[in-house]
């Protein structure tokens, strides 16, 4: 039913400006130039390309989580300079530091995210996110944090 309605609509739209007896122009064949365009369709307009994202899907999802939950303390680039950092003692960790990134495994980072700073002997100011974020979200967040390691190295 949908297909018939779509075809009928196409005929109505194509024929809207035609008078009785007028010929409705046909669509050009593949690679053939439309009427009034010399050199074919490729010469008329270049092929549009979509931009390739700098981050993979998981890291992009992790970035969204970071910007929602972590940026207030850790800052936009993870340097521990978020707008709430001045209220905290000790100051938030610089997550983009190459030395820190090299010392911590993905499981270490995920554990601190889930359990909070105090569970790892770190700052009690970092809350546990294990009941807020599911396992996939925690892993995506770790993937995003690791993009800073690649940028620093």
C-alpha atoms as a PDB file:
ATOM      1  CA  UNK A   1       0.000   0.000   0.000  1.00  0.00           C
ATOM      2  CA  UNK A   2       2.779   2.444   0.929  1.00  0.00           C
ATOM      3  CA  UNK A   3       4.609   1.769  -2.289  1.00  0.00           C
ATOM      4  CA  UNK A   4       1.521   2.487  -4.401  1.00  0.00           C
ATOM      5  CA  UNK A   5       0.903   5.736  -2.510  1.00  0.00           C
ATOM      6  CA  UNK A   6       4.534   6.773  -3.014  1.00  0.00           C
ATOM      7  CA  UNK A   7       4.394   5.986  -6.738  1.00  0.00           C
ATOM      8  CA  UNK A   8       1.108   7.851  -7.100  1.00  0.00           C
ATOM      9  CA  UNK A   9       2.574  10.838  -5.270  1.00  0.00           C
ATOM     10  CA  UNK A  10       5.612  10.807  -7.604  1.00  0.00           C
ATOM     11  CA  UNK A  11       3.370  10.817 -10.649  1.00  0.00           C
ATOM     12  CA  UNK A  12       1.276  13.657  -9.232  1.00  0.00           C
ATOM     13  CA  UNK A  13       4.360  15.723  -8.340  1.00  0.00           C
ATOM     14  CA  UNK A  14       6.115  15.090 -11.671  1.00  0.00           C
ATOM     15  CA  UNK A  15       3.000  15.822 -13.645  1.00  0.00           C
ATOM     16  CA  UNK A  16       1.861  18.840 -11.634  1.00  0.00           C
ATOM     17  CA  UNK A  17       3.209  21.403 -14.102  1.00  0.00           C
ATOM     18  CA  UNK A  18       2.233  19.494 -17.231  1.00  0.00           C
ATOM     19  CA  UNK A  19      -0.674  20.129 -19.546  1.00  0.00           C
ATOM     20  CA  UNK A  20      -2.610  17.414 -21.332  1.00  0.00           C
ATOM     21  CA  UNK A  21      -0.455  15.971 -24.111  1.00  0.00           C
ATOM     22  CA  UNK A  22       2.859  17.146 -22.608  1.00  0.00           C
ATOM     23  CA  UNK A  23       5.596  14.549 -22.308  1.00  0.00           C
ATOM     24  CA  UNK A  24       6.940  13.903 -18.793  1.00  0.00           C
ATOM     25  CA  UNK A  25      10.754  13.734 -18.959  1.00  0.00           C
ATOM     26  CA  UNK A  26      12.251  10.439 -17.878  1.00  0.00           C
ATOM     27  CA  UNK A  27      15.042  10.036 -15.339  1.00  0.00           C
ATOM     28  CA  UNK A  28      18.528   9.834 -16.861  1.00  0.00           C
ATOM     29  CA  UNK A  29      20.248   6.457 -16.875  1.00  0.00           C
ATOM     30  CA  UNK A  30      23.101   5.797 -14.456  1.00  0.00           C
ATOM     31  CA  UNK A  31      26.126   7.912 -15.409  1.00  0.00           C
ATOM     32  CA  UNK A  32      24.066   9.934 -17.896  1.00  0.00           C
ATOM     33  CA  UNK A  33      23.774  13.681 -17.422  1.00  0.00           C
ATOM     34  CA  UNK A  34      20.386  15.070 -16.411  1.00  0.00           C
ATOM     35  CA  UNK A  35      18.773  17.414 -18.940  1.00  0.00           C
ATOM     36  CA  UNK A  36      20.612  20.731 -19.022  1.00  0.00           C
ATOM     37  CA  UNK A  37      23.810  19.428 -17.358  1.00  0.00           C
ATOM     38  CA  UNK A  38      26.853  18.808 -19.518  1.00  0.00           C
ATOM     39  CA  UNK A  39      29.451  16.208 -18.612  1.00  0.00           C
ATOM     40  CA  UNK A  40      27.398  13.892 -16.408  1.00  0.00           C
ATOM     41  CA  UNK A  41      26.308  14.072 -12.804  1.00  0.00           C
ATOM     42  CA  UNK A  42      29.815  13.737 -11.395  1.00  0.00           C
ATOM     43  CA  UNK A  43      30.921  16.883 -13.228  1.00  0.00           C
ATOM     44  CA  UNK A  44      27.919  18.825 -11.918  1.00  0.00           C
ATOM     45  CA  UNK A  45      28.538  18.215  -8.222  1.00  0.00           C
ATOM     46  CA  UNK A  46      31.442  16.581  -6.402  1.00  0.00           C
ATOM     47  CA  UNK A  47      30.649  13.541  -4.266  1.00  0.00           C
ATOM     48  CA  UNK A  48      29.953  14.605  -0.685  1.00  0.00           C
ATOM     49  CA  UNK A  49      31.787  12.741   2.066  1.00  0.00           C
ATOM     50  CA  UNK A  50      30.891  12.493   5.707  1.00  0.00           C
ATOM     51  CA  UNK A  51      33.494  13.517   8.264  1.00  0.00           C
ATOM     52  CA  UNK A  52      35.183  10.678  10.134  1.00  0.00           C
ATOM     53  CA  UNK A  53      34.921  11.186  13.897  1.00  0.00           C
ATOM     54  CA  UNK A  54      38.217  11.553  15.747  1.00  0.00           C
ATOM     55  CA  UNK A  55      37.028   9.166  18.481  1.00  0.00           C
ATOM     56  CA  UNK A  56      35.610   5.669  18.113  1.00  0.00           C
ATOM     57  CA  UNK A  57      32.047   4.963  19.194  1.00  0.00           C
ATOM     58  CA  UNK A  58      32.907   3.702  22.694  1.00  0.00           C
ATOM     59  CA  UNK A  59      35.227   6.631  23.411  1.00  0.00           C
ATOM     60  CA  UNK A  60      32.578   9.100  22.161  1.00  0.00           C
ATOM     61  CA  UNK A  61      30.059   7.551  24.536  1.00  0.00           C
ATOM     62  CA  UNK A  62      32.665   7.712  27.297  1.00  0.00           C
ATOM     63  CA  UNK A  63      33.278  11.375  26.566  1.00  0.00           C
ATOM     64  CA  UNK A  64      29.572  12.124  26.987  1.00  0.00           C
ATOM     65  CA  UNK A  65      29.629  10.356  30.361  1.00  0.00           C
ATOM     66  CA  UNK A  66      32.801  12.203  31.376  1.00  0.00           C
ATOM     67  CA  UNK A  67      31.277  15.568  30.452  1.00  0.00           C
ATOM     68  CA  UNK A  68      28.173  14.752  32.485  1.00  0.00           C
ATOM     69  CA  UNK A  69      29.700  13.280  35.645  1.00  0.00           C
ATOM     70  CA  UNK A  70      33.428  14.072  35.824  1.00  0.00           C
ATOM     71  CA  UNK A  71      34.157  17.420  34.194  1.00  0.00           C
ATOM     72  CA  UNK A  72      33.147  19.463  37.259  1.00  0.00           C
ATOM     73  CA  UNK A  73      36.184  18.197  39.173  1.00  0.00           C
ATOM     74  CA  UNK A  74      38.595  16.799  36.575  1.00  0.00           C
ATOM     75  CA  UNK A  75      38.132  19.554  33.949  1.00  0.00           C
ATOM     76  CA  UNK A  76      37.393  19.263  30.236  1.00  0.00           C
ATOM     77  CA  UNK A  77      40.822  17.856  29.402  1.00  0.00           C
ATOM     78  CA  UNK A  78      41.189  15.776  32.566  1.00  0.00           C
ATOM     79  CA  UNK A  79      43.889  17.906  34.207  1.00  0.00           C
ATOM     80  CA  UNK A  80      42.092  18.123  37.565  1.00  0.00           C
ATOM     81  CA  UNK A  81      41.180  21.758  36.975  1.00  0.00           C
ATOM     82  CA  UNK A  82      37.386  21.614  36.806  1.00  0.00           C
ATOM     83  CA  UNK A  83      35.378  24.501  38.209  1.00  0.00           C
ATOM     84  CA  UNK A  84      34.741  22.598  41.453  1.00  0.00           C
ATOM     85  CA  UNK A  85      38.401  21.566  41.921  1.00  0.00           C
ATOM     86  CA  UNK A  86      39.289  24.600  44.059  1.00  0.00           C
ATOM     87  CA  UNK A  87      36.827  23.356  46.726  1.00  0.00           C
ATOM     88  CA  UNK A  88      38.532  19.972  47.030  1.00  0.00           C
ATOM     89  CA  UNK A  89      41.440  18.846  49.182  1.00  0.00           C
ATOM     90  CA  UNK A  90      43.195  16.852  47.872  1.00  0.00           C
ATOM     91  CA  UNK A  91      42.833  18.245  44.375  1.00  0.00           C
ATOM     92  CA  UNK A  92      41.418  15.940  41.676  1.00  0.00           C
ATOM     93  CA  UNK A  93      43.836  13.676  39.821  1.00  0.00           C
ATOM     94  CA  UNK A  94      45.298  14.801  36.499  1.00  0.00           C
ATOM     95  CA  UNK A  95      43.886  11.933  34.427  1.00  0.00           C
ATOM     96  CA  UNK A  96      45.756  13.035  31.304  1.00  0.00           C
ATOM     97  CA  UNK A  97      49.177  12.741  32.963  1.00  0.00           C
ATOM     98  CA  UNK A  98      51.293  10.248  30.989  1.00  0.00           C
ATOM     99  CA  UNK A  99      52.909   8.831  34.160  1.00  0.00           C
ATOM    100  CA  UNK A 100      49.546   8.222  35.783  1.00  0.00           C
ATOM    101  CA  UNK A 101      48.176   6.635  32.608  1.00  0.00           C
ATOM    102  CA  UNK A 102      51.182   4.283  32.393  1.00  0.00           C
ATOM    103  CA  UNK A 103      50.849   3.117  36.026  1.00  0.00           C
ATOM    104  CA  UNK A 104      47.130   2.284  35.930  1.00  0.00           C
ATOM    105  CA  UNK A 105      45.506  -0.593  34.078  1.00  0.00           C
ATOM    106  CA  UNK A 106      42.045  -0.348  32.564  1.00  0.00           C
ATOM    107  CA  UNK A 107      40.747  -2.528  35.390  1.00  0.00           C
ATOM    108  CA  UNK A 108      42.292  -0.172  37.971  1.00  0.00           C
ATOM    109  CA  UNK A 109      40.547   2.817  36.413  1.00  0.00           C
ATOM    110  CA  UNK A 110      37.236   0.958  36.141  1.00  0.00           C
ATOM    111  CA  UNK A 111      37.478  -0.123  39.785  1.00  0.00           C
ATOM    112  CA  UNK A 112      38.031   3.435  41.026  1.00  0.00           C
ATOM    113  CA  UNK A 113      35.159   4.694  38.857  1.00  0.00           C
ATOM    114  CA  UNK A 114      32.840   2.004  40.251  1.00  0.00           C
ATOM    115  CA  UNK A 115      33.931   2.123  43.909  1.00  0.00           C
ATOM    116  CA  UNK A 116      35.047   5.719  44.372  1.00  0.00           C
ATOM    117  CA  UNK A 117      38.334   7.178  45.507  1.00  0.00           C
ATOM    118  CA  UNK A 118      38.238   5.985  49.121  1.00  0.00           C
ATOM    119  CA  UNK A 119      37.918   2.303  48.094  1.00  0.00           C
ATOM    120  CA  UNK A 120      41.287   2.603  46.320  1.00  0.00           C
ATOM    121  CA  UNK A 121      42.985   4.551  49.125  1.00  0.00           C
ATOM    122  CA  UNK A 122      42.609   7.778  47.148  1.00  0.00           C
ATOM    123  CA  UNK A 123      40.540  10.907  47.738  1.00  0.00           C
ATOM    124  CA  UNK A 124      37.267  10.449  49.593  1.00  0.00           C
ATOM    125  CA  UNK A 125      35.942  13.311  47.486  1.00  0.00           C
ATOM    126  CA  UNK A 126      35.480  11.075  44.450  1.00  0.00           C
ATOM    127  CA  UNK A 127      32.096   9.392  44.720  1.00  0.00           C
ATOM    128  CA  UNK A 128      31.441   5.791  43.682  1.00  0.00           C
ATOM    129  CA  UNK A 129      29.661   5.642  40.335  1.00  0.00           C
ATOM    130  CA  UNK A 130      29.020   1.885  40.334  1.00  0.00           C
ATOM    131  CA  UNK A 131      25.309   2.252  41.069  1.00  0.00           C
ATOM    132  CA  UNK A 132      24.876   5.116  38.626  1.00  0.00           C
ATOM    133  CA  UNK A 133      26.806   3.774  35.637  1.00  0.00           C
ATOM    134  CA  UNK A 134      26.411   0.301  34.184  1.00  0.00           C
ATOM    135  CA  UNK A 135      29.394  -1.840  33.175  1.00  0.00           C
ATOM    136  CA  UNK A 136      29.285  -0.746  29.526  1.00  0.00           C
ATOM    137  CA  UNK A 137      29.291   2.923  30.542  1.00  0.00           C
ATOM    138  CA  UNK A 138      32.250   2.368  32.880  1.00  0.00           C
ATOM    139  CA  UNK A 139      34.232   0.649  30.089  1.00  0.00           C
ATOM    140  CA  UNK A 140      33.367   3.409  27.616  1.00  0.00           C
ATOM    141  CA  UNK A 141      34.524   5.995  30.143  1.00  0.00           C
ATOM    142  CA  UNK A 142      37.833   4.140  30.531  1.00  0.00           C
ATOM    143  CA  UNK A 143      38.157   4.034  26.729  1.00  0.00           C
ATOM    144  CA  UNK A 144      37.747   7.816  26.662  1.00  0.00           C
ATOM    145  CA  UNK A 145      40.321   8.330  29.426  1.00  0.00           C
ATOM    146  CA  UNK A 146      42.770   6.249  27.402  1.00  0.00           C
ATOM    147  CA  UNK A 147      42.485   8.645  24.460  1.00  0.00           C
ATOM    148  CA  UNK A 148      44.498  11.106  26.577  1.00  0.00           C
ATOM    149  CA  UNK A 149      47.269   8.529  26.946  1.00  0.00           C
ATOM    150  CA  UNK A 150      47.482   8.225  23.167  1.00  0.00           C
ATOM    151  CA  UNK A 151      47.539  12.027  22.815  1.00  0.00           C
ATOM    152  CA  UNK A 152      50.305  12.429  25.428  1.00  0.00           C
ATOM    153  CA  UNK A 153      52.430   9.553  24.088  1.00  0.00           C
END
